[in-house]
Amino acid sequence: MRLHAPTKASTWGVGGVLIASMLVTLAHGRPGIAELLITLFVFVTAPVSASLMGQAALHLRLASKAPVPRDAVPERRAADR
């Protein structure tokens, strides 16, 4: 299962918004401690939760809807030559 792209986008998207919020609160004269903690929480939990969802899908033997790359199956590589 390929889970890198979805977790990367959500982590960087939410993290970017929270860092911007932290900079705005810093400009107003108060440190953004809450935003920093939320950012750290998101950076730690998003990949872990995606991994757990992937493991659950494998455990339930759910079929992937993604196409299989041509170079992933040895029979297809031999037929292309």
C-alpha atoms as a PDB file:
ATOM      1  CA  MET A   1       0.000   0.000   0.000  1.00  0.00           C
ATOM      2  CA  ARG A   2       1.216   3.461  -0.826  1.00  0.00           C
ATOM      3  CA  LEU A   3       0.383   5.814   1.996  1.00  0.00           C
ATOM      4  CA  HIS A   4       3.233   8.297   1.792  1.00  0.00           C
ATOM      5  CA  ALA A   5       1.552  10.883  -0.442  1.00  0.00           C
ATOM      6  CA  PRO A   6      -1.740  11.310   1.485  1.00  0.00           C
ATOM      7  CA  THR A   7      -0.043  11.570   4.867  1.00  0.00           C
ATOM      8  CA  LYS A   8       2.610  13.917   3.543  1.00  0.00           C
ATOM      9  CA  ALA A   9       0.038  16.309   2.067  1.00  0.00           C
ATOM     10  CA  SER A  10      -2.126  16.395   5.181  1.00  0.00           C
ATOM     11  CA  THR A  11       0.832  16.714   7.519  1.00  0.00           C
ATOM     12  CA  TRP A  12       2.470  19.572   5.609  1.00  0.00           C
ATOM     13  CA  GLY A  13      -0.859  21.302   4.912  1.00  0.00           C
ATOM     14  CA  VAL A  14      -2.042  21.351   8.507  1.00  0.00           C
ATOM     15  CA  GLY A  15       1.492  21.967   9.752  1.00  0.00           C
ATOM     16  CA  GLY A  16       1.888  24.960   7.439  1.00  0.00           C
ATOM     17  CA  VAL A  17      -1.367  26.513   8.616  1.00  0.00           C
ATOM     18  CA  LEU A  18      -0.404  26.030  12.241  1.00  0.00           C
ATOM     19  CA  ILE A  19       3.076  27.465  11.718  1.00  0.00           C
ATOM     20  CA  ALA A  20       1.518  30.506  10.025  1.00  0.00           C
ATOM     21  CA  SER A  21      -0.850  30.842  12.981  1.00  0.00           C
ATOM     22  CA  MET A  22       2.124  30.606  15.320  1.00  0.00           C
ATOM     23  CA  LEU A  23       3.889  33.421  13.450  1.00  0.00           C
ATOM     24  CA  VAL A  24       0.771  35.623  13.618  1.00  0.00           C
ATOM     25  CA  THR A  25       0.407  35.113  17.364  1.00  0.00           C
ATOM     26  CA  LEU A  26       4.117  35.816  17.773  1.00  0.00           C
ATOM     27  CA  ALA A  27       3.667  39.086  15.850  1.00  0.00           C
ATOM     28  CA  HIS A  28       0.893  40.018  18.303  1.00  0.00           C
ATOM     29  CA  GLY A  29       3.283  39.593  21.189  1.00  0.00           C
ATOM     30  CA  ARG A  30       2.361  36.200  22.583  1.00  0.00           C
ATOM     31  CA  PRO A  31       4.178  32.941  21.908  1.00  0.00           C
ATOM     32  CA  GLY A  32       2.171  30.305  20.032  1.00  0.00           C
ATOM     33  CA  ILE A  33       2.774  27.427  22.401  1.00  0.00           C
ATOM     34  CA  ALA A  34      -0.618  25.814  21.677  1.00  0.00           C
ATOM     35  CA  GLU A  35       0.031  25.933  17.928  1.00  0.00           C
ATOM     36  CA  LEU A  36       3.470  24.420  18.414  1.00  0.00           C
ATOM     37  CA  LEU A  37       2.020  21.537  20.422  1.00  0.00           C
ATOM     38  CA  ILE A  38      -0.728  20.944  17.844  1.00  0.00           C
ATOM     39  CA  THR A  39       1.855  20.956  15.032  1.00  0.00           C
ATOM     40  CA  LEU A  40       4.014  18.402  16.827  1.00  0.00           C
ATOM     41  CA  PHE A  41       0.938  16.271  17.517  1.00  0.00           C
ATOM     42  CA  VAL A  42      -0.063  16.303  13.831  1.00  0.00           C
ATOM     43  CA  PHE A  43       3.466  15.500  12.640  1.00  0.00           C
ATOM     44  CA  VAL A  44       3.599  12.481  14.964  1.00  0.00           C
ATOM     45  CA  THR A  45       0.068  11.094  14.624  1.00  0.00           C
ATOM     46  CA  ALA A  46      -0.730  11.445  10.888  1.00  0.00           C
ATOM     47  CA  PRO A  47       1.815   8.868   9.661  1.00  0.00           C
ATOM     48  CA  VAL A  48       1.012   6.518  12.531  1.00  0.00           C
ATOM     49  CA  SER A  49      -2.739   6.620  11.880  1.00  0.00           C
ATOM     50  CA  ALA A  50      -2.211   6.060   8.131  1.00  0.00           C
ATOM     51  CA  SER A  51      -0.007   3.078   8.899  1.00  0.00           C
ATOM     52  CA  LEU A  52      -2.650   1.619  11.201  1.00  0.00           C
ATOM     53  CA  MET A  53      -5.335   2.076   8.535  1.00  0.00           C
ATOM     54  CA  GLY A  54      -3.108   0.323   6.002  1.00  0.00           C
ATOM     55  CA  GLN A  55      -2.473  -2.556   8.374  1.00  0.00           C
ATOM     56  CA  ALA A  56      -6.226  -2.866   9.021  1.00  0.00           C
ATOM     57  CA  ALA A  57      -6.899  -2.970   5.272  1.00  0.00           C
ATOM     58  CA  LEU A  58      -4.281  -5.697   4.835  1.00  0.00           C
ATOM     59  CA  HIS A  59      -5.730  -7.633   7.771  1.00  0.00           C
ATOM     60  CA  LEU A  60      -9.231  -7.433   6.244  1.00  0.00           C
ATOM     61  CA  ARG A  61      -7.754  -8.411   2.854  1.00  0.00           C
ATOM     62  CA  LEU A  62      -9.308  -5.451   1.085  1.00  0.00           C
ATOM     63  CA  ALA A  63      -8.494  -5.237  -2.595  1.00  0.00           C
ATOM     64  CA  SER A  64      -6.582  -2.177  -3.719  1.00  0.00           C
ATOM     65  CA  LYS A  65      -8.267   0.093  -6.244  1.00  0.00           C
ATOM     66  CA  ALA A  66      -4.918   1.448  -7.440  1.00  0.00           C
ATOM     67  CA  PRO A  67      -3.505   0.075 -10.683  1.00  0.00           C
ATOM     68  CA  VAL A  68      -0.490  -2.199 -10.352  1.00  0.00           C
ATOM     69  CA  PRO A  69       2.650  -0.666 -11.880  1.00  0.00           C
ATOM     70  CA  ARG A  70       3.996  -2.603 -14.869  1.00  0.00           C
ATOM     71  CA  ASP A  71       7.394  -3.138 -13.278  1.00  0.00           C
ATOM     72  CA  ALA A  72       5.902  -4.563 -10.070  1.00  0.00           C
ATOM     73  CA  VAL A  73       4.864  -7.885 -11.625  1.00  0.00           C
ATOM     74  CA  PRO A  74       7.715 -10.094 -12.948  1.00  0.00           C
ATOM     75  CA  GLU A  75       5.497 -11.690 -15.625  1.00  0.00           C
ATOM     76  CA  ARG A  76       4.706  -8.298 -17.132  1.00  0.00           C
ATOM     77  CA  ARG A  77       8.378  -7.310 -17.228  1.00  0.00           C
ATOM     78  CA  ALA A  78       9.263 -10.470 -19.134  1.00  0.00           C
ATOM     79  CA  ALA A  79       6.411  -9.937 -21.613  1.00  0.00           C
ATOM     80  CA  ASP A  80       7.517  -6.352 -22.339  1.00  0.00           C
ATOM     81  CA  ARG A  81      10.977  -7.441 -23.496  1.00  0.00           C
END
